[in-house]
Amino acid sequence: MEEHIIDMNEKNTLAMKLLHYFITEKGYTPIILQGAEDEIWLENLDEDYKVVRLVMRYIHNDEQYKFDVFKTNRILRKIKKKTLSFKLNTLSIFLDLGGAVNLDEFKTDNITAVEVHEDADVKKNKLLKSIFPDLSRKLKFSEEGIELFIKVTNDINKHNQKDQERVADVFAPKKPIVTYALIIINILVFFIPMLLGNSDIVTAYLGSYGPFVKMGEYYRLISSAFVHANLAHLLFNMYALWIIGMQLESFIGKWRFLVVYLFSAICGSLLSVVITPNALSVGASGAIFGLLGALLYFGYHYRIYLGTVIKSQIIPLIVINLVLGFLVPGIDNAAHIGGLIGGALMMIGVGVKYKSSTFEKVNGLIVSLIFFGFLVYMALFA
């Protein structure tokens, strides 16, 4: 059996305290990198400094520091692609910097470098005090040596376990009850009138038609989302609802999902009345585009897990369908765009579990109501 000796020198002790602070107090998570020796990378995409580096390796001259900046930028470019980030403000904390190194000589827009060798340096550093006011206080521990190591390790493990439980809760498969119900309703609305020989009447009485909506038949704004022109139209939309709804409802829950779906359907119908007031519009595609908008916002919050899916599937799907809507006659692209915007805004309003703050949700609801009010005014009163 091998024995590992823990080197509890001042540098490692400070690194351990800083690691404890950023993970347990600020919600940063470690980034697994190949080839990054004697440094720890941490990530929190909701903070101003989205990446924090703890650099323990000795850097004794400007050439070594210049290479460190070059290497850091190269790694950051890869992280940007993975996390769909335009800019990653990075804080590099050097714990073993030689006296000959001038941090100001190689400044970059996205990397801020600070030097600390002991706890007192953290308290003296004006930049660290302004960014993390409680950092110096949180570095004080009653434990020392191996007891400190055990406490820090246990605290980090507990925090990581809590994060893992949250992720598991969000991404655990759940039965998409609302999606099932919506599909069944759409199928019944299509086939029952057909069996009774009155399919055209359903389209005429439930479809969204500008002049009738303006005369007070507001129910058409939502009923039109459950009516389809033909079997192919129904099958295409229900397949899309099944694929997208099954995932999104599992991620955000049935009530959030239902609110987003219905709001998107109404917004799509309203914009359709604004853009093409004399056209009869039917179909669930506006609501489905709203689900795509909601999925895009949800995926952005969980882009560490869904970043590749957003880039390779969700965004191309939205773009291709919008382009087809402009090129192919008979497609109500106004409903698609209205639903897409409405779904994204309402997703901000209902919030992403474990991610959205109350402030963000309130702002999302306010903007959603403003957008809805604007559409109502343009569709009914302008």
Protein backbone atom coordinates (compact mmCIF):
# COMPACT_ATOMS: atom_id res chain seq x y z
CA MET A 1 0.00 0.00 0.00
CA GLU A 2 1.34 3.43 -0.97
CA GLU A 3 1.52 6.27 1.52
CA HIS A 4 0.95 9.87 0.36
CA ILE A 5 2.44 12.70 2.37
CA ILE A 6 0.38 15.89 2.36
CA ASP A 7 2.64 18.92 2.10
CA MET A 8 0.90 21.55 4.25
CA ASN A 9 3.26 24.45 3.55
CA GLU A 10 2.02 28.04 3.52
CA LYS A 11 1.41 28.10 -0.24
CA ASN A 12 -0.64 24.90 -0.26
CA THR A 13 -2.57 25.98 2.82
CA LEU A 14 -3.52 29.29 1.20
CA ALA A 15 -4.48 27.51 -2.04
CA MET A 16 -6.70 25.15 -0.07
CA LYS A 17 -8.44 28.03 1.73
CA LEU A 18 -9.01 29.88 -1.55
CA LEU A 19 -10.36 26.72 -3.15
CA HIS A 20 -12.74 26.26 -0.22
CA TYR A 21 -13.98 29.85 -0.57
CA PHE A 22 -14.60 29.82 -4.31
CA ILE A 23 -16.36 26.45 -4.29
CA THR A 24 -18.45 26.60 -1.11
CA GLU A 25 -19.12 30.35 -0.90
CA LYS A 26 -19.22 31.44 -4.55
CA GLY A 27 -20.45 28.31 -6.28
CA TYR A 28 -17.48 27.76 -8.58
CA THR A 29 -16.85 24.28 -9.94
CA PRO A 30 -13.49 22.78 -10.89
CA ILE A 31 -12.65 22.47 -14.58
CA ILE A 32 -10.85 19.28 -15.60
CA LEU A 33 -7.96 20.20 -17.90
CA GLN A 34 -5.19 18.15 -19.43
CA GLY A 35 -1.67 19.50 -19.11
CA ALA A 36 -2.47 22.16 -16.49
CA GLU A 37 0.05 21.30 -13.78
CA ASP A 38 0.24 23.03 -10.40
CA GLU A 39 -2.82 25.15 -11.11
CA ILE A 40 -6.54 24.83 -10.44
CA TRP A 41 -9.19 26.17 -12.80
CA LEU A 42 -12.62 27.06 -11.44
CA GLU A 43 -15.73 28.10 -13.33
CA ASN A 44 -18.96 29.92 -12.50
CA LEU A 45 -20.69 31.36 -15.56
CA ASP A 46 -23.05 33.44 -13.39
CA GLU A 47 -20.26 35.48 -11.78
CA ASP A 48 -18.53 38.57 -13.22
CA TYR A 49 -15.26 36.63 -13.22
CA LYS A 50 -16.46 33.44 -14.84
CA VAL A 51 -13.10 31.69 -14.50
CA VAL A 52 -10.72 31.76 -11.54
CA ARG A 53 -7.23 30.24 -11.70
CA LEU A 54 -5.16 29.35 -8.66
CA VAL A 55 -1.57 29.09 -9.90
CA MET A 56 0.79 27.37 -7.45
CA ARG A 57 3.70 26.80 -9.82
CA TYR A 58 6.74 29.08 -9.46
CA ILE A 59 7.00 31.72 -12.18
CA HIS A 60 10.36 33.43 -11.89
CA ASN A 61 10.58 35.79 -14.90
CA ASP A 62 8.55 37.72 -17.48
CA GLU A 63 9.08 35.13 -20.20
CA GLN A 64 7.44 32.44 -18.09
CA TYR A 65 4.58 34.77 -17.25
CA LYS A 66 4.14 35.72 -20.91
CA PHE A 67 3.88 32.03 -21.82
CA ASP A 68 1.36 31.53 -19.00
CA VAL A 69 -0.85 34.28 -20.48
CA PHE A 70 -0.57 32.72 -23.95
CA LYS A 71 -1.49 29.27 -22.63
CA THR A 72 -4.37 30.66 -20.57
CA ASN A 73 -5.87 32.42 -23.60
CA ARG A 74 -5.62 29.24 -25.65
CA ILE A 75 -7.52 27.25 -23.01
CA LEU A 76 -10.10 30.03 -22.62
CA ARG A 77 -10.87 29.89 -26.34
CA LYS A 78 -11.80 26.23 -25.96
CA ILE A 79 -13.97 26.95 -22.91
CA LYS A 80 -15.73 29.77 -24.80
CA LYS A 81 -16.76 27.38 -27.56
CA LYS A 82 -18.01 24.80 -25.10
CA THR A 83 -19.98 27.26 -22.96
CA LEU A 84 -21.23 29.55 -25.77
CA SER A 85 -19.56 32.53 -24.09
CA PHE A 86 -18.49 35.62 -26.00
CA LYS A 87 -16.14 36.78 -23.26
CA LEU A 88 -14.74 35.00 -20.22
CA ASN A 89 -13.42 37.43 -17.64
CA THR A 90 -10.71 35.48 -15.86
CA LEU A 91 -9.00 36.06 -12.53
CA SER A 92 -5.53 34.52 -12.23
CA ILE A 93 -4.29 34.33 -8.64
CA PHE A 94 -0.56 33.63 -8.46
CA LEU A 95 0.69 32.14 -5.20
CA ASP A 96 4.38 31.78 -6.10
CA LEU A 97 5.50 34.67 -8.28
CA GLY A 98 9.12 35.75 -8.57
CA GLY A 99 10.07 39.30 -7.67
CA ALA A 100 11.28 40.00 -11.21
CA VAL A 101 7.86 39.41 -12.79
CA ASN A 102 5.89 42.50 -13.82
CA LEU A 103 2.18 41.63 -14.01
CA ASP A 104 1.32 44.97 -15.62
CA GLU A 105 3.55 44.38 -18.64
CA PHE A 106 1.35 41.74 -20.29
CA LYS A 107 -2.16 42.93 -19.47
CA THR A 108 -5.06 41.59 -21.51
CA ASP A 109 -8.71 42.65 -21.67
CA ASN A 110 -10.08 39.38 -20.35
CA ILE A 111 -7.41 38.26 -17.84
CA THR A 112 -6.83 39.99 -14.50
CA ALA A 113 -3.77 38.85 -12.56
CA VAL A 114 -3.10 39.28 -8.84
CA GLU A 115 -0.27 38.07 -6.61
CA VAL A 116 -0.75 36.71 -3.09
CA HIS A 117 1.70 34.78 -0.92
CA GLU A 118 -0.11 34.72 2.41
CA ASP A 119 -3.46 35.53 4.01
CA ALA A 120 -2.37 39.10 4.75
CA ASP A 121 -1.80 39.75 1.03
CA VAL A 122 -5.45 38.96 0.33
CA LYS A 123 -6.56 41.57 2.85
CA LYS A 124 -4.19 44.18 1.41
CA ASN A 125 -5.09 43.60 -2.24
CA LYS A 126 -7.55 46.33 -3.28
CA LEU A 127 -8.74 44.45 -6.35
CA LEU A 128 -9.61 41.29 -4.43
CA LYS A 129 -11.35 43.36 -1.73
CA SER A 130 -13.50 45.08 -4.35
CA ILE A 131 -14.42 41.87 -6.19
CA PHE A 132 -14.86 39.57 -3.18
CA PRO A 133 -15.38 41.75 -0.08
CA ASP A 134 -15.80 38.79 2.27
CA LEU A 135 -12.79 36.82 1.00
CA SER A 136 -10.33 37.82 3.72
CA ARG A 137 -12.82 37.03 6.49
CA LYS A 138 -13.74 33.66 4.99
CA LEU A 139 -10.09 32.56 4.91
CA LYS A 140 -9.96 32.43 8.71
CA PHE A 141 -10.16 28.90 10.13
CA SER A 142 -9.73 27.60 13.65
CA GLU A 143 -8.29 24.35 12.28
CA GLU A 144 -4.67 23.96 11.22
CA GLY A 145 -2.56 21.39 9.42
CA ILE A 146 -4.19 18.05 8.70
CA GLU A 147 -7.39 19.09 10.52
CA LEU A 148 -7.76 22.03 8.12
CA PHE A 149 -7.20 19.71 5.17
CA ILE A 150 -9.91 17.33 6.42
CA LYS A 151 -12.41 20.17 7.04
CA VAL A 152 -11.84 21.77 3.63
CA THR A 153 -12.10 18.40 1.88
CA ASN A 154 -15.32 17.48 3.71
CA ASP A 155 -16.93 20.88 3.04
CA ILE A 156 -16.08 20.74 -0.67
CA ASN A 157 -17.34 17.16 -0.96
CA LYS A 158 -20.64 18.11 0.70
CA HIS A 159 -21.05 21.10 -1.61
CA ASN A 160 -20.23 19.07 -4.71
CA GLN A 161 -22.66 16.36 -3.64
CA LYS A 162 -25.40 18.99 -3.29
CA ASP A 163 -24.63 20.31 -6.78
CA GLN A 164 -24.71 16.80 -8.22
CA GLU A 165 -28.07 16.13 -6.55
CA ARG A 166 -29.48 19.32 -8.08
CA VAL A 167 -28.26 18.41 -11.56
CA ALA A 168 -29.65 14.89 -11.15
CA ASP A 169 -32.99 16.36 -10.04
CA VAL A 170 -33.21 18.59 -13.13
CA PHE A 171 -32.08 16.03 -15.70
CA ALA A 172 -33.70 12.91 -14.23
CA PRO A 173 -36.29 11.52 -16.72
CA LYS A 174 -39.87 12.38 -15.77
CA LYS A 175 -43.15 11.39 -17.38
CA PRO A 176 -44.24 14.23 -19.74
CA ILE A 177 -47.90 14.27 -18.71
CA VAL A 178 -48.70 17.69 -20.21
CA THR A 179 -47.04 16.77 -23.50
CA TYR A 180 -49.14 13.60 -23.69
CA ALA A 181 -52.30 15.58 -22.92
CA LEU A 182 -51.59 18.25 -25.54
CA ILE A 183 -50.94 15.64 -28.22
CA ILE A 184 -54.15 13.78 -27.35
CA ILE A 185 -56.19 17.01 -27.47
CA ASN A 186 -54.74 17.93 -30.87
CA ILE A 187 -55.51 14.47 -32.24
CA LEU A 188 -59.07 14.51 -30.91
CA VAL A 189 -59.75 17.99 -32.30
CA PHE A 190 -58.59 16.77 -35.71
CA PHE A 191 -60.25 13.34 -35.92
CA ILE A 192 -63.60 13.75 -34.11
CA PRO A 193 -64.93 16.42 -36.52
CA MET A 194 -63.56 14.38 -39.43
CA LEU A 195 -65.51 11.32 -38.29
CA LEU A 196 -68.60 13.48 -37.96
CA GLY A 197 -68.03 14.97 -41.40
CA ASN A 198 -67.56 18.54 -40.14
CA SER A 199 -63.78 19.07 -40.34
CA ASP A 200 -64.04 22.32 -42.33
CA ILE A 201 -66.37 23.84 -39.75
CA VAL A 202 -63.76 23.33 -37.00
CA THR A 203 -61.14 25.23 -38.99
CA ALA A 204 -63.59 28.03 -39.74
CA TYR A 205 -64.82 28.40 -36.15
CA LEU A 206 -61.56 27.81 -34.25
CA GLY A 207 -58.85 29.12 -36.58
CA SER A 208 -57.19 32.49 -35.99
CA TYR A 209 -58.65 35.06 -38.39
CA GLY A 210 -57.87 38.74 -37.85
CA PRO A 211 -61.27 40.32 -38.57
CA PHE A 212 -63.10 37.84 -36.29
CA VAL A 213 -60.53 38.24 -33.50
CA LYS A 214 -60.96 42.02 -33.66
CA MET A 215 -64.73 41.54 -33.41
CA GLY A 216 -64.25 39.92 -30.00
CA GLU A 217 -63.67 36.23 -30.78
CA TYR A 218 -60.50 36.20 -28.69
CA TYR A 219 -60.72 32.46 -28.00
CA ARG A 220 -59.39 31.94 -31.54
CA LEU A 221 -55.96 33.12 -30.36
CA ILE A 222 -55.60 29.89 -28.36
CA SER A 223 -58.03 27.50 -30.06
CA SER A 224 -56.19 27.89 -33.38
CA ALA A 225 -53.16 26.18 -31.80
CA PHE A 226 -55.18 22.95 -31.52
CA VAL A 227 -56.50 22.93 -35.10
CA HIS A 228 -54.58 21.54 -38.10
CA ALA A 229 -55.18 21.94 -41.80
CA ASN A 230 -54.54 18.31 -42.78
CA LEU A 231 -53.11 15.02 -41.54
CA ALA A 232 -49.55 15.81 -42.64
CA HIS A 233 -49.71 19.13 -40.78
CA LEU A 234 -50.93 17.36 -37.65
CA LEU A 235 -48.34 14.57 -37.80
CA PHE A 236 -45.43 16.96 -38.36
CA ASN A 237 -46.41 19.23 -35.46
CA MET A 238 -47.21 16.38 -33.08
CA TYR A 239 -43.88 14.71 -33.82
CA ALA A 240 -42.09 17.99 -33.07
CA LEU A 241 -44.16 18.46 -29.90
CA TRP A 242 -43.33 14.92 -28.81
CA ILE A 243 -39.57 15.30 -29.33
CA ILE A 244 -39.20 18.80 -27.88
CA GLY A 245 -41.94 18.63 -25.25
CA MET A 246 -40.78 15.33 -23.81
CA GLN A 247 -37.37 16.85 -23.04
CA LEU A 248 -38.39 20.35 -21.97
CA GLU A 249 -41.24 19.26 -19.70
CA SER A 250 -38.88 16.84 -17.96
CA PHE A 251 -36.36 19.65 -17.44
CA ILE A 252 -38.66 22.45 -16.23
CA GLY A 253 -41.73 20.68 -14.84
CA LYS A 254 -45.30 20.37 -16.06
CA TRP A 255 -46.70 23.72 -14.85
CA ARG A 256 -43.86 25.83 -16.19
CA PHE A 257 -44.10 23.88 -19.43
CA LEU A 258 -47.85 24.46 -19.76
CA VAL A 259 -47.55 28.20 -19.07
CA VAL A 260 -44.78 28.55 -21.66
CA TYR A 261 -46.73 26.53 -24.24
CA LEU A 262 -50.00 28.46 -23.92
CA PHE A 263 -48.30 31.87 -23.75
CA SER A 264 -46.26 31.04 -26.85
CA ALA A 265 -49.39 29.93 -28.71
CA ILE A 266 -51.19 33.20 -27.92
CA CYS A 267 -48.17 35.36 -28.79
CA GLY A 268 -47.78 33.50 -32.07
CA SER A 269 -51.45 34.05 -32.94
CA LEU A 270 -51.28 37.74 -32.02
CA LEU A 271 -48.23 38.43 -34.18
CA SER A 272 -49.89 36.49 -36.99
CA VAL A 273 -52.91 38.82 -36.75
CA VAL A 274 -50.56 41.82 -36.81
CA ILE A 275 -48.54 40.70 -39.85
CA THR A 276 -51.20 38.82 -41.86
CA PRO A 277 -54.56 40.03 -40.51
CA ASN A 278 -56.67 38.60 -43.33
CA ALA A 279 -55.16 35.10 -43.32
CA LEU A 280 -56.75 32.11 -41.58
CA SER A 281 -54.04 30.59 -39.38
CA VAL A 282 -54.10 27.19 -37.66
CA GLY A 283 -51.55 24.86 -36.10
CA ALA A 284 -49.42 24.28 -33.00
CA SER A 285 -46.18 25.45 -34.62
CA GLY A 286 -46.20 28.85 -32.88
CA ALA A 287 -46.40 27.12 -29.49
CA ILE A 288 -43.73 24.62 -30.54
CA PHE A 289 -41.40 27.44 -31.56
CA GLY A 290 -42.04 28.87 -28.10
CA LEU A 291 -40.82 25.59 -26.61
CA LEU A 292 -37.67 25.93 -28.71
CA GLY A 293 -37.15 29.45 -27.37
CA ALA A 294 -37.64 28.19 -23.82
CA LEU A 295 -35.27 25.28 -24.42
CA LEU A 296 -32.68 27.70 -25.77
CA TYR A 297 -32.86 29.80 -22.59
CA PHE A 298 -32.85 26.73 -20.34
CA GLY A 299 -29.92 25.25 -22.25
CA TYR A 300 -27.96 28.48 -21.92
CA HIS A 301 -28.22 28.26 -18.13
CA TYR A 302 -27.07 24.63 -18.24
CA ARG A 303 -24.69 25.11 -21.17
CA ILE A 304 -21.95 23.15 -19.45
CA TYR A 305 -24.14 20.11 -20.07
CA LEU A 306 -26.12 21.23 -23.14
CA GLY A 307 -23.71 23.58 -24.94
CA THR A 308 -23.01 21.11 -27.75
CA VAL A 309 -26.72 20.33 -28.18
CA ILE A 310 -27.54 24.04 -28.43
CA LYS A 311 -24.91 24.63 -31.12
CA SER A 312 -25.43 21.48 -33.16
CA GLN A 313 -29.20 20.92 -32.84
CA ILE A 314 -31.38 23.63 -31.29
CA ILE A 315 -30.01 26.75 -33.04
CA PRO A 316 -29.77 25.06 -36.50
CA LEU A 317 -33.32 23.71 -36.08
CA ILE A 318 -34.68 27.19 -35.31
CA VAL A 319 -32.75 28.86 -38.15
CA ILE A 320 -33.66 26.23 -40.77
CA ASN A 321 -37.36 26.34 -39.91
CA LEU A 322 -37.46 30.14 -39.93
CA VAL A 323 -35.71 30.22 -43.32
CA LEU A 324 -38.17 27.65 -44.69
CA GLY A 325 -40.98 29.79 -43.35
CA PHE A 326 -39.82 32.72 -45.46
CA LEU A 327 -39.21 30.62 -48.58
CA VAL A 328 -42.16 28.22 -48.63
CA PRO A 329 -45.64 29.69 -49.30
CA GLY A 330 -48.44 28.93 -46.86
CA ILE A 331 -46.30 28.86 -43.71
CA ASP A 332 -47.27 31.36 -41.02
CA ASN A 333 -43.78 32.52 -40.06
CA ALA A 334 -45.20 35.40 -38.02
CA ALA A 335 -46.72 32.84 -35.64
CA HIS A 336 -43.36 31.07 -35.46
CA ILE A 337 -41.49 34.26 -34.59
CA GLY A 338 -44.12 35.44 -32.10
CA GLY A 339 -44.14 32.05 -30.39
CA LEU A 340 -40.34 31.87 -30.31
CA ILE A 341 -40.00 35.26 -28.63
CA GLY A 342 -42.93 34.64 -26.29
CA GLY A 343 -41.58 31.26 -25.21
CA ALA A 344 -38.10 32.61 -24.48
CA LEU A 345 -39.47 35.57 -22.50
CA MET A 346 -41.91 33.49 -20.47
CA MET A 347 -39.15 30.97 -19.71
CA ILE A 348 -37.22 33.84 -18.14
CA GLY A 349 -40.36 34.70 -16.18
CA VAL A 350 -41.10 31.23 -14.83
CA GLY A 351 -37.39 30.69 -14.19
CA VAL A 352 -34.88 27.89 -14.49
CA LYS A 353 -34.74 25.68 -11.41
CA TYR A 354 -31.67 26.26 -9.20
CA LYS A 355 -30.41 28.95 -11.61
CA SER A 356 -32.81 31.91 -11.92
CA SER A 357 -32.92 34.54 -9.19
CA THR A 358 -36.15 36.22 -8.07
CA PHE A 359 -34.92 39.43 -9.71
CA GLU A 360 -34.48 37.67 -13.07
CA LYS A 361 -37.91 36.04 -12.86
CA VAL A 362 -39.66 39.31 -12.00
CA ASN A 363 -37.91 41.06 -14.89
CA GLY A 364 -38.85 38.18 -17.19
CA LEU A 365 -42.52 38.45 -16.24
CA ILE A 366 -42.49 42.23 -16.70
CA VAL A 367 -40.90 41.99 -20.15
CA SER A 368 -43.31 39.17 -21.09
CA LEU A 369 -46.29 41.34 -20.14
CA ILE A 370 -44.87 44.31 -22.06
CA PHE A 371 -44.39 42.13 -25.14
CA PHE A 372 -47.89 40.69 -24.75
CA GLY A 373 -49.41 44.14 -24.29
CA PHE A 374 -47.62 45.43 -27.38
CA LEU A 375 -48.94 42.53 -29.47
CA VAL A 376 -52.48 43.02 -28.16
CA TYR A 377 -52.37 46.73 -29.00
CA MET A 378 -50.96 46.14 -32.49
CA ALA A 379 -53.37 43.28 -33.25
CA LEU A 380 -56.59 44.73 -31.86
CA PHE A 381 -56.30 48.49 -31.66
CA ALA A 382 -53.66 49.78 -34.08
